[in-house]
Amino acid sequence: MNLSAVVNSPRLNAQAYTIQRSTGSFVLGGYQSVPTPVPGFGVISVASAKELQQTPEGDSSLGAMVFRNSQPLYTTNTTGISDVIEWQGDAYRIQNVAPWVDYGYFKAIGVRMARA
């Protein structure tokens, strides 16, 4: 069963947001990261208590949202690079991804990043 139509449904309040995806390369002196904006669209909800258990305790104090969409989202890896979602004036770093590819969507938990 492909649920991508549900995840992208305006009836379920699917919304547009921007994914800042870091791409880059190794240059003299180390790795140079360049954020690339990618348009995103899907259902967004507040993270439940059970979902918050999947994030580090210090991060969850800033707030967390669940983003469902039909395109892949990426978590932090050993180089510290992860997707960052910009939505309603806040930035959310992706901490956990459930790839429900057999059902046509990805579910990601993003924790709000502290403002500079």
PDB file of N, CA and C in Angstrom:
ATOM      1  N   MET A   1       0.841  -1.172   0.000  1.00  0.00           N
ATOM      2  CA  MET A   1       0.000   0.000   0.000  1.00  0.00           C
ATOM      3  C   MET A   1       0.888   1.237   0.000  1.00  0.00           C
ATOM      4  N   ASN A   2       0.713   2.069  -0.989  1.00  0.00           N
ATOM      5  CA  ASN A   2       1.498   3.288  -1.106  1.00  0.00           C
ATOM      6  C   ASN A   2       0.724   4.452  -0.484  1.00  0.00           C
ATOM      7  N   LEU A   3       1.282   5.032   0.562  1.00  0.00           N
ATOM      8  CA  LEU A   3       0.623   6.120   1.294  1.00  0.00           C
ATOM      9  C   LEU A   3       1.150   7.505   0.917  1.00  0.00           C
ATOM     10  N   SER A   4       1.937   7.604  -0.155  1.00  0.00           N
ATOM     11  CA  SER A   4       2.511   8.905  -0.512  1.00  0.00           C
ATOM     12  C   SER A   4       1.430   9.939  -0.818  1.00  0.00           C
ATOM     13  N   ALA A   5       0.296   9.517  -1.368  1.00  0.00           N
ATOM     14  CA  ALA A   5      -0.789  10.471  -1.640  1.00  0.00           C
ATOM     15  C   ALA A   5      -1.358  11.028  -0.340  1.00  0.00           C
ATOM     16  N   VAL A   6      -1.389  10.213   0.696  1.00  0.00           N
ATOM     17  CA  VAL A   6      -1.881  10.661   2.006  1.00  0.00           C
ATOM     18  C   VAL A   6      -0.888  11.648   2.609  1.00  0.00           C
ATOM     19  N   VAL A   7       0.400  11.312   2.541  1.00  0.00           N
ATOM     20  CA  VAL A   7       1.439  12.170   3.109  1.00  0.00           C
ATOM     21  C   VAL A   7       1.492  13.525   2.413  1.00  0.00           C
ATOM     22  N   ASN A   8       1.124  13.569   1.141  1.00  0.00           N
ATOM     23  CA  ASN A   8       1.153  14.817   0.374  1.00  0.00           C
ATOM     24  C   ASN A   8      -0.202  15.494   0.260  1.00  0.00           C
ATOM     25  N   SER A   9      -1.177  15.041   1.029  1.00  0.00           N
ATOM     26  CA  SER A   9      -2.531  15.542   0.904  1.00  0.00           C
ATOM     27  C   SER A   9      -2.736  16.883   1.618  1.00  0.00           C
ATOM     28  N   PRO A  10      -3.183  17.902   0.900  1.00  0.00           N
ATOM     29  CA  PRO A  10      -3.532  19.166   1.557  1.00  0.00           C
ATOM     30  C   PRO A  10      -4.693  18.997   2.545  1.00  0.00           C
ATOM     31  N   ARG A  11      -5.521  17.983   2.340  1.00  0.00           N
ATOM     32  CA  ARG A  11      -6.617  17.719   3.293  1.00  0.00           C
ATOM     33  C   ARG A  11      -6.100  17.366   4.675  1.00  0.00           C
ATOM     34  N   LEU A  12      -4.926  16.762   4.721  1.00  0.00           N
ATOM     35  CA  LEU A  12      -4.313  16.413   6.004  1.00  0.00           C
ATOM     36  C   LEU A  12      -3.293  17.468   6.431  1.00  0.00           C
ATOM     37  N   ASN A  13      -3.451  18.651   5.877  1.00  0.00           N
ATOM     38  CA  ASN A  13      -2.603  19.801   6.209  1.00  0.00           C
ATOM     39  C   ASN A  13      -1.145  19.617   5.822  1.00  0.00           C
ATOM     40  N   ALA A  14      -0.894  18.941   4.711  1.00  0.00           N
ATOM     41  CA  ALA A  14       0.475  18.872   4.211  1.00  0.00           C
ATOM     42  C   ALA A  14       0.943  20.292   3.920  1.00  0.00           C
ATOM     43  N   GLN A  15       2.199  20.563   4.228  1.00  0.00           N
ATOM     44  CA  GLN A  15       2.739  21.908   4.099  1.00  0.00           C
ATOM     45  C   GLN A  15       4.078  21.892   3.379  1.00  0.00           C
ATOM     46  N   ALA A  16       4.426  23.013   2.817  1.00  0.00           N
ATOM     47  CA  ALA A  16       5.725  23.168   2.171  1.00  0.00           C
ATOM     48  C   ALA A  16       6.762  23.582   3.209  1.00  0.00           C
ATOM     49  N   TYR A  17       7.971  23.136   3.023  1.00  0.00           N
ATOM     50  CA  TYR A  17       9.100  23.540   3.851  1.00  0.00           C
ATOM     51  C   TYR A  17      10.364  23.391   3.020  1.00  0.00           C
ATOM     52  N   THR A  18      11.477  23.837   3.554  1.00  0.00           N
ATOM     53  CA  THR A  18      12.749  23.755   2.834  1.00  0.00           C
ATOM     54  C   THR A  18      13.691  22.830   3.576  1.00  0.00           C
ATOM     55  N   ILE A  19      14.289  21.916   2.838  1.00  0.00           N
ATOM     56  CA  ILE A  19      15.298  21.022   3.395  1.00  0.00           C
ATOM     57  C   ILE A  19      16.657  21.597   3.012  1.00  0.00           C
ATOM     58  N   GLN A  20      17.486  21.888   3.999  1.00  0.00           N
ATOM     59  CA  GLN A  20      18.860  22.319   3.733  1.00  0.00           C
ATOM     60  C   GLN A  20      19.726  21.064   3.785  1.00  0.00           C
ATOM     61  N   ARG A  21      20.130  20.582   2.623  1.00  0.00           N
ATOM     62  CA  ARG A  21      20.919  19.358   2.525  1.00  0.00           C
ATOM     63  C   ARG A  21      22.371  19.731   2.299  1.00  0.00           C
ATOM     64  N   SER A  22      23.250  19.236   3.170  1.00  0.00           N
ATOM     65  CA  SER A  22      24.672  19.546   3.054  1.00  0.00           C
ATOM     66  C   SER A  22      25.330  18.617   2.050  1.00  0.00           C
ATOM     67  N   THR A  23      25.957  19.213   1.090  1.00  0.00           N
ATOM     68  CA  THR A  23      26.787  18.484   0.141  1.00  0.00           C
ATOM     69  C   THR A  23      28.154  19.135   0.198  1.00  0.00           C
ATOM     70  N   GLY A  24      29.145  18.464  -0.273  1.00  0.00           N
ATOM     71  CA  GLY A  24      30.463  19.058  -0.229  1.00  0.00           C
ATOM     72  C   GLY A  24      31.516  18.107  -0.741  1.00  0.00           C
ATOM     73  N   SER A  25      32.740  18.475  -0.454  1.00  0.00           N
ATOM     74  CA  SER A  25      33.859  17.662  -0.916  1.00  0.00           C
ATOM     75  C   SER A  25      35.066  17.914  -0.015  1.00  0.00           C
ATOM     76  N   PHE A  26      36.018  17.007  -0.147  1.00  0.00           N
ATOM     77  CA  PHE A  26      37.259  17.186   0.587  1.00  0.00           C
ATOM     78  C   PHE A  26      38.151  18.138  -0.201  1.00  0.00           C
ATOM     79  N   VAL A  27      38.626  19.154   0.484  1.00  0.00           N
ATOM     80  CA  VAL A  27      39.530  20.131  -0.106  1.00  0.00           C
ATOM     81  C   VAL A  27      40.769  20.213   0.778  1.00  0.00           C
ATOM     82  N   LEU A  28      41.744  20.951   0.348  1.00  0.00           N
ATOM     83  CA  LEU A  28      42.949  21.129   1.143  1.00  0.00           C
ATOM     84  C   LEU A  28      42.558  21.676   2.511  1.00  0.00           C
ATOM     85  N   GLY A  29      42.856  20.953   3.560  1.00  0.00           N
ATOM     86  CA  GLY A  29      42.514  21.395   4.903  1.00  0.00           C
ATOM     87  C   GLY A  29      41.312  20.688   5.495  1.00  0.00           C
ATOM     88  N   GLY A  30      40.613  19.863   4.716  1.00  0.00           N
ATOM     89  CA  GLY A  30      39.487  19.125   5.287  1.00  0.00           C
ATOM     90  C   GLY A  30      38.267  19.106   4.395  1.00  0.00           C
ATOM     91  N   TYR A  31      37.139  18.810   5.007  1.00  0.00           N
ATOM     92  CA  TYR A  31      35.873  18.686   4.286  1.00  0.00           C
ATOM     93  C   TYR A  31      35.170  20.033   4.275  1.00  0.00           C
ATOM     94  N   GLN A  32      34.724  20.462   3.131  1.00  0.00           N
ATOM     95  CA  GLN A  32      34.004  21.725   3.012  1.00  0.00           C
ATOM     96  C   GLN A  32      32.551  21.420   2.662  1.00  0.00           C
ATOM     97  N   SER A  33      31.655  21.820   3.536  1.00  0.00           N
ATOM     98  CA  SER A  33      30.229  21.551   3.381  1.00  0.00           C
ATOM     99  C   SER A  33      29.524  22.754   2.759  1.00  0.00           C
ATOM    100  N   VAL A  34      28.604  22.466   1.843  1.00  0.00           N
ATOM    101  CA  VAL A  34      27.819  23.518   1.201  1.00  0.00           C
ATOM    102  C   VAL A  34      26.342  23.142   1.312  1.00  0.00           C
ATOM    103  N   PRO A  35      25.535  23.943   2.036  1.00  0.00           N
ATOM    104  CA  PRO A  35      24.105  23.617   2.125  1.00  0.00           C
ATOM    105  C   PRO A  35      23.383  23.903   0.802  1.00  0.00           C
ATOM    106  N   THR A  36      22.560  22.964   0.382  1.00  0.00           N
ATOM    107  CA  THR A  36      21.786  23.102  -0.848  1.00  0.00           C
ATOM    108  C   THR A  36      20.308  23.037  -0.496  1.00  0.00           C
ATOM    109  N   PRO A  37      19.512  24.058  -0.836  1.00  0.00           N
ATOM    110  CA  PRO A  37      18.075  24.009  -0.522  1.00  0.00           C
ATOM    111  C   PRO A  37      17.343  23.027  -1.438  1.00  0.00           C
ATOM    112  N   VAL A  38      16.488  22.207  -0.812  1.00  0.00           N
ATOM    113  CA  VAL A  38      15.662  21.237  -1.528  1.00  0.00           C
ATOM    114  C   VAL A  38      14.216  21.467  -1.080  1.00  0.00           C
ATOM    115  N   PRO A  39      13.284  21.667  -2.001  1.00  0.00           N
ATOM    116  CA  PRO A  39      11.897  21.864  -1.571  1.00  0.00           C
ATOM    117  C   PRO A  39      11.315  20.574  -0.991  1.00  0.00           C
ATOM    118  N   GLY A  40      10.601  20.716   0.114  1.00  0.00           N
ATOM    119  CA  GLY A  40       9.944  19.578   0.757  1.00  0.00           C
ATOM    120  C   GLY A  40       8.464  19.859   0.925  1.00  0.00           C
ATOM    121  N   PHE A  41       7.683  18.800   1.031  1.00  0.00           N
ATOM    122  CA  PHE A  41       6.238  18.936   1.206  1.00  0.00           C
ATOM    123  C   PHE A  41       5.723  17.686   1.900  1.00  0.00           C
ATOM    124  N   GLY A  42       4.936  17.870   2.942  1.00  0.00           N
ATOM    125  CA  GLY A  42       4.376  16.722   3.636  1.00  0.00           C
ATOM    126  C   GLY A  42       3.652  17.127   4.899  1.00  0.00           C
ATOM    127  N   VAL A  43       3.160  16.126   5.598  1.00  0.00           N
ATOM    128  CA  VAL A  43       2.419  16.329   6.837  1.00  0.00           C
ATOM    129  C   VAL A  43       3.410  16.525   7.981  1.00  0.00           C
ATOM    130  N   ILE A  44       3.175  17.549   8.789  1.00  0.00           N
ATOM    131  CA  ILE A  44       4.032  17.885   9.925  1.00  0.00           C
ATOM    132  C   ILE A  44       3.195  17.812  11.189  1.00  0.00           C
ATOM    133  N   SER A  45       3.752  17.209  12.236  1.00  0.00           N
ATOM    134  CA  SER A  45       3.039  17.133  13.508  1.00  0.00           C
ATOM    135  C   SER A  45       4.035  17.280  14.658  1.00  0.00           C
ATOM    136  N   VAL A  46       3.507  17.544  15.836  1.00  0.00           N
ATOM    137  CA  VAL A  46       4.340  17.642  17.036  1.00  0.00           C
ATOM    138  C   VAL A  46       4.766  16.233  17.429  1.00  0.00           C
ATOM    139  N   ALA A  47       6.014  16.086  17.832  1.00  0.00           N
ATOM    140  CA  ALA A  47       6.521  14.777  18.249  1.00  0.00           C
ATOM    141  C   ALA A  47       5.844  14.341  19.553  1.00  0.00           C
ATOM    142  N   SER A  48       5.445  13.082  19.592  1.00  0.00           N
ATOM    143  CA  SER A  48       4.816  12.518  20.796  1.00  0.00           C
ATOM    144  C   SER A  48       5.887  12.169  21.829  1.00  0.00           C
ATOM    145  N   ALA A  49       5.460  11.840  23.036  1.00  0.00           N
ATOM    146  CA  ALA A  49       6.401  11.454  24.098  1.00  0.00           C
ATOM    147  C   ALA A  49       7.208  10.233  23.677  1.00  0.00           C
ATOM    148  N   LYS A  50       6.573   9.286  23.023  1.00  0.00           N
ATOM    149  CA  LYS A  50       7.277   8.085  22.560  1.00  0.00           C
ATOM    150  C   LYS A  50       8.324   8.434  21.504  1.00  0.00           C
ATOM    151  N   GLU A  51       7.981   9.341  20.597  1.00  0.00           N
ATOM    152  CA  GLU A  51       8.933   9.757  19.566  1.00  0.00           C
ATOM    153  C   GLU A  51      10.098  10.543  20.161  1.00  0.00           C
ATOM    154  N   LEU A  52       9.833  11.322  21.212  1.00  0.00           N
ATOM    155  CA  LEU A  52      10.894  12.080  21.864  1.00  0.00           C
ATOM    156  C   LEU A  52      11.919  11.170  22.528  1.00  0.00           C
ATOM    157  N   GLN A  53      11.516   9.963  22.893  1.00  0.00           N
ATOM    158  CA  GLN A  53      12.451   9.012  23.493  1.00  0.00           C
ATOM    159  C   GLN A  53      13.529   8.591  22.502  1.00  0.00           C
ATOM    160  N   GLN A  54      13.304   8.825  21.227  1.00  0.00           N
ATOM    161  CA  GLN A  54      14.264   8.447  20.192  1.00  0.00           C
ATOM    162  C   GLN A  54      15.298   9.532  19.939  1.00  0.00           C
ATOM    163  N   THR A  55      15.233  10.642  20.671  1.00  0.00           N
ATOM    164  CA  THR A  55      16.195  11.735  20.488  1.00  0.00           C
ATOM    165  C   THR A  55      17.000  11.913  21.769  1.00  0.00           C
ATOM    166  N   PRO A  56      18.219  12.431  21.684  1.00  0.00           N
ATOM    167  CA  PRO A  56      19.005  12.696  22.890  1.00  0.00           C
ATOM    168  C   PRO A  56      18.267  13.663  23.814  1.00  0.00           C
ATOM    169  N   GLU A  57      18.380  13.440  25.112  1.00  0.00           N
ATOM    170  CA  GLU A  57      17.609  14.209  26.088  1.00  0.00           C
ATOM    171  C   GLU A  57      17.833  15.713  25.988  1.00  0.00           C
ATOM    172  N   GLY A  58      19.066  16.144  25.802  1.00  0.00           N
ATOM    173  CA  GLY A  58      19.349  17.578  25.718  1.00  0.00           C
ATOM    174  C   GLY A  58      18.697  18.238  24.515  1.00  0.00           C
ATOM    175  N   ASP A  59      18.594  17.501  23.408  1.00  0.00           N
ATOM    176  CA  ASP A  59      17.996  18.060  22.200  1.00  0.00           C
ATOM    177  C   ASP A  59      16.489  18.210  22.320  1.00  0.00           C
ATOM    178  N   SER A  60      15.841  17.277  23.004  1.00  0.00           N
ATOM    179  CA  SER A  60      14.380  17.303  23.049  1.00  0.00           C
ATOM    180  C   SER A  60      13.834  18.479  23.846  1.00  0.00           C
ATOM    181  N   SER A  61      14.670  19.123  24.671  1.00  0.00           N
ATOM    182  CA  SER A  61      14.194  20.262  25.453  1.00  0.00           C
ATOM    183  C   SER A  61      13.883  21.461  24.567  1.00  0.00           C
ATOM    184  N   LEU A  62      14.439  21.500  23.372  1.00  0.00           N
ATOM    185  CA  LEU A  62      14.199  22.615  22.462  1.00  0.00           C
ATOM    186  C   LEU A  62      12.922  22.433  21.651  1.00  0.00           C
ATOM    187  N   GLY A  63      12.342  21.256  21.661  1.00  0.00           N
ATOM    188  CA  GLY A  63      11.140  20.966  20.907  1.00  0.00           C
ATOM    189  C   GLY A  63      11.458  20.094  19.708  1.00  0.00           C
ATOM    190  N   ALA A  64      10.491  19.289  19.323  1.00  0.00           N
ATOM    191  CA  ALA A  64      10.693  18.387  18.192  1.00  0.00           C
ATOM    192  C   ALA A  64       9.411  18.286  17.381  1.00  0.00           C
ATOM    193  N   MET A  65       9.592  18.092  16.089  1.00  0.00           N
ATOM    194  CA  MET A  65       8.477  17.919  15.165  1.00  0.00           C
ATOM    195  C   MET A  65       8.715  16.654  14.356  1.00  0.00           C
ATOM    196  N   VAL A  66       7.623  16.085  13.844  1.00  0.00           N
ATOM    197  CA  VAL A  66       7.704  14.919  12.979  1.00  0.00           C
ATOM    198  C   VAL A  66       7.354  15.368  11.561  1.00  0.00           C
ATOM    199  N   PHE A  67       8.222  15.039  10.629  1.00  0.00           N
ATOM    200  CA  PHE A  67       8.042  15.409   9.228  1.00  0.00           C
ATOM    201  C   PHE A  67       7.844  14.128   8.423  1.00  0.00           C
ATOM    202  N   ARG A  68       6.737  14.043   7.712  1.00  0.00           N
ATOM    203  CA  ARG A  68       6.480  12.907   6.830  1.00  0.00           C
ATOM    204  C   ARG A  68       6.457  13.422   5.401  1.00  0.00           C
ATOM    205  N   ASN A  69       7.229  12.799   4.524  1.00  0.00           N
ATOM    206  CA  ASN A  69       7.191  13.174   3.116  1.00  0.00           C
ATOM    207  C   ASN A  69       7.591  11.998   2.252  1.00  0.00           C
ATOM    208  N   SER A  70       7.494  12.169   0.955  1.00  0.00           N
ATOM    209  CA  SER A  70       7.755  11.059   0.045  1.00  0.00           C
ATOM    210  C   SER A  70       9.182  11.044  -0.498  1.00  0.00           C
ATOM    211  N   GLN A  71      10.042  11.925  -0.002  1.00  0.00           N
ATOM    212  CA  GLN A  71      11.437  11.905  -0.430  1.00  0.00           C
ATOM    213  C   GLN A  71      12.345  11.597   0.754  1.00  0.00           C
ATOM    214  N   PRO A  72      13.505  11.021   0.507  1.00  0.00           N
ATOM    215  CA  PRO A  72      14.398  10.649   1.613  1.00  0.00           C
ATOM    216  C   PRO A  72      14.865  11.856   2.423  1.00  0.00           C
ATOM    217  N   LEU A  73      15.023  11.648   3.717  1.00  0.00           N
ATOM    218  CA  LEU A  73      15.629  12.619   4.620  1.00  0.00           C
ATOM    219  C   LEU A  73      16.798  11.917   5.289  1.00  0.00           C
ATOM    220  N   TYR A  74      17.828  12.668   5.649  1.00  0.00           N
ATOM    221  CA  TYR A  74      19.053  12.067   6.163  1.00  0.00           C
ATOM    222  C   TYR A  74      19.387  12.570   7.560  1.00  0.00           C
ATOM    223  N   THR A  75      19.872  11.665   8.410  1.00  0.00           N
ATOM    224  CA  THR A  75      20.230  11.986   9.787  1.00  0.00           C
ATOM    225  C   THR A  75      21.691  12.393   9.877  1.00  0.00           C
ATOM    226  N   THR A  76      22.053  12.835  11.056  1.00  0.00           N
ATOM    227  CA  THR A  76      23.437  13.170  11.346  1.00  0.00           C
ATOM    228  C   THR A  76      24.283  11.911  11.204  1.00  0.00           C
ATOM    229  N   ASN A  77      25.444  12.065  10.588  1.00  0.00           N
ATOM    230  CA  ASN A  77      26.344  10.928  10.454  1.00  0.00           C
ATOM    231  C   ASN A  77      27.671  11.250  11.126  1.00  0.00           C
ATOM    232  N   THR A  78      28.669  10.449  10.887  1.00  0.00           N
ATOM    233  CA  THR A  78      29.945  10.625  11.589  1.00  0.00           C
ATOM    234  C   THR A  78      30.618  11.960  11.300  1.00  0.00           C
ATOM    235  N   THR A  79      30.296  12.597  10.179  1.00  0.00           N
ATOM    236  CA  THR A  79      30.891  13.902   9.886  1.00  0.00           C
ATOM    237  C   THR A  79      30.058  15.042  10.473  1.00  0.00           C
ATOM    238  N   GLY A  80      28.952  14.711  11.116  1.00  0.00           N
ATOM    239  CA  GLY A  80      28.127  15.730  11.751  1.00  0.00           C
ATOM    240  C   GLY A  80      27.165  16.415  10.813  1.00  0.00           C
ATOM    241  N   ILE A  81      27.038  15.909   9.585  1.00  0.00           N
ATOM    242  CA  ILE A  81      26.178  16.555   8.599  1.00  0.00           C
ATOM    243  C   ILE A  81      24.829  15.847   8.576  1.00  0.00           C
ATOM    244  N   SER A  82      23.762  16.596   8.647  1.00  0.00           N
ATOM    245  CA  SER A  82      22.418  16.034   8.514  1.00  0.00           C
ATOM    246  C   SER A  82      21.544  17.044   7.795  1.00  0.00           C
ATOM    247  N   ASP A  83      20.388  16.570   7.362  1.00  0.00           N
ATOM    248  CA  ASP A  83      19.436  17.500   6.779  1.00  0.00           C
ATOM    249  C   ASP A  83      18.899  18.418   7.869  1.00  0.00           C
ATOM    250  N   VAL A  84      18.638  19.657   7.494  1.00  0.00           N
ATOM    251  CA  VAL A  84      18.010  20.626   8.388  1.00  0.00           C
ATOM    252  C   VAL A  84      16.762  21.115   7.670  1.00  0.00           C
ATOM    253  N   ILE A  85      15.640  21.053   8.352  1.00  0.00           N
ATOM    254  CA  ILE A  85      14.383  21.507   7.764  1.00  0.00           C
ATOM    255  C   ILE A  85      14.050  22.882   8.315  1.00  0.00           C
ATOM    256  N   GLU A  86      13.774  23.805   7.407  1.00  0.00           N
ATOM    257  CA  GLU A  86      13.343  25.151   7.788  1.00  0.00           C
ATOM    258  C   GLU A  86      11.840  25.222   7.601  1.00  0.00           C
ATOM    259  N   TRP A  87      11.135  25.496   8.709  1.00  0.00           N
ATOM    260  CA  TRP A  87       9.679  25.536   8.678  1.00  0.00           C
ATOM    261  C   TRP A  87       9.188  26.568   9.692  1.00  0.00           C
ATOM    262  N   GLN A  88       8.361  27.472   9.256  1.00  0.00           N
ATOM    263  CA  GLN A  88       7.755  28.522  10.079  1.00  0.00           C
ATOM    264  C   GLN A  88       8.778  29.295  10.910  1.00  0.00           C
ATOM    265  N   GLY A  89       9.896  29.641  10.272  1.00  0.00           N
ATOM    266  CA  GLY A  89      10.891  30.478  10.919  1.00  0.00           C
ATOM    267  C   GLY A  89      11.851  29.757  11.843  1.00  0.00           C
ATOM    268  N   ASP A  90      11.721  28.461  11.998  1.00  0.00           N
ATOM    269  CA  ASP A  90      12.628  27.682  12.842  1.00  0.00           C
ATOM    270  C   ASP A  90      13.369  26.662  11.994  1.00  0.00           C
ATOM    271  N   ALA A  91      14.498  26.204  12.512  1.00  0.00           N
ATOM    272  CA  ALA A  91      15.286  25.179  11.843  1.00  0.00           C
ATOM    273  C   ALA A  91      15.274  23.924  12.711  1.00  0.00           C
ATOM    274  N   TYR A  92      15.068  22.779  12.090  1.00  0.00           N
ATOM    275  CA  TYR A  92      14.991  21.493  12.779  1.00  0.00           C
ATOM    276  C   TYR A  92      16.020  20.545  12.182  1.00  0.00           C
ATOM    277  N   ARG A  93      16.937  20.067  13.028  1.00  0.00           N
ATOM    278  CA  ARG A  93      17.960  19.116  12.593  1.00  0.00           C
ATOM    279  C   ARG A  93      17.377  17.704  12.682  1.00  0.00           C
ATOM    280  N   ILE A  94      17.494  16.940  11.611  1.00  0.00           N
ATOM    281  CA  ILE A  94      16.936  15.591  11.576  1.00  0.00           C
ATOM    282  C   ILE A  94      17.765  14.678  12.470  1.00  0.00           C
ATOM    283  N   GLN A  95      17.092  14.035  13.429  1.00  0.00           N
ATOM    284  CA  GLN A  95      17.739  13.155  14.388  1.00  0.00           C
ATOM    285  C   GLN A  95      17.452  11.680  14.128  1.00  0.00           C
ATOM    286  N   ASN A  96      16.287  11.392  13.581  1.00  0.00           N
ATOM    287  CA  ASN A  96      15.873   9.998  13.425  1.00  0.00           C
ATOM    288  C   ASN A  96      15.008   9.888  12.181  1.00  0.00           C
ATOM    289  N   VAL A  97      15.252   8.861  11.374  1.00  0.00           N
ATOM    290  CA  VAL A  97      14.453   8.650  10.172  1.00  0.00           C
ATOM    291  C   VAL A  97      13.952   7.214  10.152  1.00  0.00           C
ATOM    292  N   ALA A  98      12.659   7.054   9.903  1.00  0.00           N
ATOM    293  CA  ALA A  98      12.058   5.739   9.679  1.00  0.00           C
ATOM    294  C   ALA A  98      11.725   5.662   8.190  1.00  0.00           C
ATOM    295  N   PRO A  99      12.489   4.874   7.432  1.00  0.00           N
ATOM    296  CA  PRO A  99      12.253   4.804   5.992  1.00  0.00           C
ATOM    297  C   PRO A  99      11.133   3.826   5.650  1.00  0.00           C
ATOM    298  N   TRP A 100       9.916   4.314   5.625  1.00  0.00           N
ATOM    299  CA  TRP A 100       8.767   3.482   5.298  1.00  0.00           C
ATOM    300  C   TRP A 100       8.615   3.410   3.778  1.00  0.00           C
ATOM    301  N   VAL A 101       9.693   3.050   3.080  1.00  0.00           N
ATOM    302  CA  VAL A 101       9.711   3.062   1.624  1.00  0.00           C
ATOM    303  C   VAL A 101       8.697   2.098   1.021  1.00  0.00           C
ATOM    304  N   ASP A 102       8.438   0.993   1.677  1.00  0.00           N
ATOM    305  CA  ASP A 102       7.439   0.053   1.164  1.00  0.00           C
ATOM    306  C   ASP A 102       6.049   0.675   1.150  1.00  0.00           C
ATOM    307  N   TYR A 103       5.851   1.709   1.956  1.00  0.00           N
ATOM    308  CA  TYR A 103       4.562   2.396   2.024  1.00  0.00           C
ATOM    309  C   TYR A 103       4.606   3.764   1.340  1.00  0.00           C
ATOM    310  N   GLY A 104       5.733   4.103   0.730  1.00  0.00           N
ATOM    311  CA  GLY A 104       5.818   5.311  -0.077  1.00  0.00           C
ATOM    312  C   GLY A 104       6.147   6.592   0.655  1.00  0.00           C
ATOM    313  N   TYR A 105       6.683   6.499   1.878  1.00  0.00           N
ATOM    314  CA  TYR A 105       7.020   7.742   2.579  1.00  0.00           C
ATOM    315  C   TYR A 105       8.152   7.538   3.575  1.00  0.00           C
ATOM    316  N   PHE A 106       8.673   8.658   4.074  1.00  0.00           N
ATOM    317  CA  PHE A 106       9.699   8.687   5.104  1.00  0.00           C
ATOM    318  C   PHE A 106       9.149   9.478   6.291  1.00  0.00           C
ATOM    319  N   LYS A 107       9.433   9.025   7.492  1.00  0.00           N
ATOM    320  CA  LYS A 107       9.027   9.724   8.714  1.00  0.00           C
ATOM    321  C   LYS A 107      10.303  10.113   9.449  1.00  0.00           C
ATOM    322  N   ALA A 108      10.478  11.406   9.693  1.00  0.00           N
ATOM    323  CA  ALA A 108      11.697  11.893  10.338  1.00  0.00           C
ATOM    324  C   ALA A 108      11.351  12.744  11.546  1.00  0.00           C
ATOM    325  N   ILE A 109      12.152  12.612  12.590  1.00  0.00           N
ATOM    326  CA  ILE A 109      12.009  13.453  13.777  1.00  0.00           C
ATOM    327  C   ILE A 109      13.088  14.518  13.702  1.00  0.00           C
ATOM    328  N   GLY A 110      12.658  15.767  13.767  1.00  0.00           N
ATOM    329  CA  GLY A 110      13.586  16.892  13.748  1.00  0.00           C
ATOM    330  C   GLY A 110      13.522  17.647  15.054  1.00  0.00           C
ATOM    331  N   VAL A 111      14.679  17.969  15.625  1.00  0.00           N
ATOM    332  CA  VAL A 111      14.703  18.753  16.857  1.00  0.00           C
ATOM    333  C   VAL A 111      15.064  20.188  16.519  1.00  0.00           C
ATOM    334  N   ARG A 112      14.381  21.099  17.178  1.00  0.00           N
ATOM    335  CA  ARG A 112      14.602  22.519  16.917  1.00  0.00           C
ATOM    336  C   ARG A 112      16.025  22.910  17.300  1.00  0.00           C
ATOM    337  N   MET A 113      16.634  23.676  16.447  1.00  0.00           N
ATOM    338  CA  MET A 113      17.983  24.148  16.706  1.00  0.00           C
ATOM    339  C   MET A 113      17.908  25.491  17.426  1.00  0.00           C
ATOM    340  N   ALA A 114      18.824  25.703  18.360  1.00  0.00           N
ATOM    341  CA  ALA A 114      18.856  26.966  19.092  1.00  0.00           C
ATOM    342  C   ALA A 114      19.158  28.098  18.127  1.00  0.00           C
ATOM    343  N   ARG A 115      18.501  29.212  18.309  1.00  0.00           N
ATOM    344  CA  ARG A 115      18.732  30.383  17.453  1.00  0.00           C
ATOM    345  C   ARG A 115      20.008  31.080  17.884  1.00  0.00           C
ATOM    346  N   ALA A 116      20.722  31.585  16.905  1.00  0.00           N
ATOM    347  CA  ALA A 116      21.992  32.265  17.205  1.00  0.00           C
ATOM    348  C   ALA A 116      21.766  33.652  17.735  1.00  0.00           C
TER     349      ALA A 116
END
